[in-house]
Amino acid sequence: MMFRSTFFFIISLLFSHCSSTQKIDAQPPVTIIEAQAQSWVAGVRGGGSGTNVFITFSDAIAVDSLYYQGKVAKLLPVQDATKVKYIARFSSRKNTHDDLVMHSEPSKEYGNSVVGIPPKTFPFELKKDEAMVSYKKGNKKRFFKVTNIVQLKQKLFPSRLPAVKSQ
């Protein structure tokens, strides 16, 4: 009896593991025309920072998310009449205001700690210039790799709008 229950437990573990693995395509279903990443920083303290990744495909595809440098973001279409282009926006913790743990009694707020975001396990091993695109094929989620992502010059946003000269 013990052998039978152990056997069924091991078999169920094997089947559950097989269903959770990602279906990675050896070749992308579309041609990747261009892949670029550009980091940015707001010009005001606490205004935020991040990286935008732009990917241009040869044809439309039902994309979902982009996995890049340990983070995941939704791929959103970019309005462009001549290209099939998407953007993924990744924010970073640089140049942001930290959230504090607040308490209803002010005396207990002394020495507050910053709210931490628990790290998630990243499902792929990628190089710095690689990303993984998730997309739908039928009703199945699939993945393909984007390589050679070109890093553009960092974009620095001004702290205020330029002055307009009156005429």
Foldseek 3Di string as FASTA:
>chain_A
DVVVVVVVVVVVVVVVVVVPDAAEDPDDPWAWPAKAKAKEDEADQQPFIWMKIKTWTPDDFAWFWKAADLDIFGWAFDDDPPTGMTMGIGTDPPRHDFDWDDDPDVVVRPPTDTDDDDRDDRPDDDDNQKMKIWGDDPNDIHIYMDGDHHYDYYHYHHNDDDDDDDD
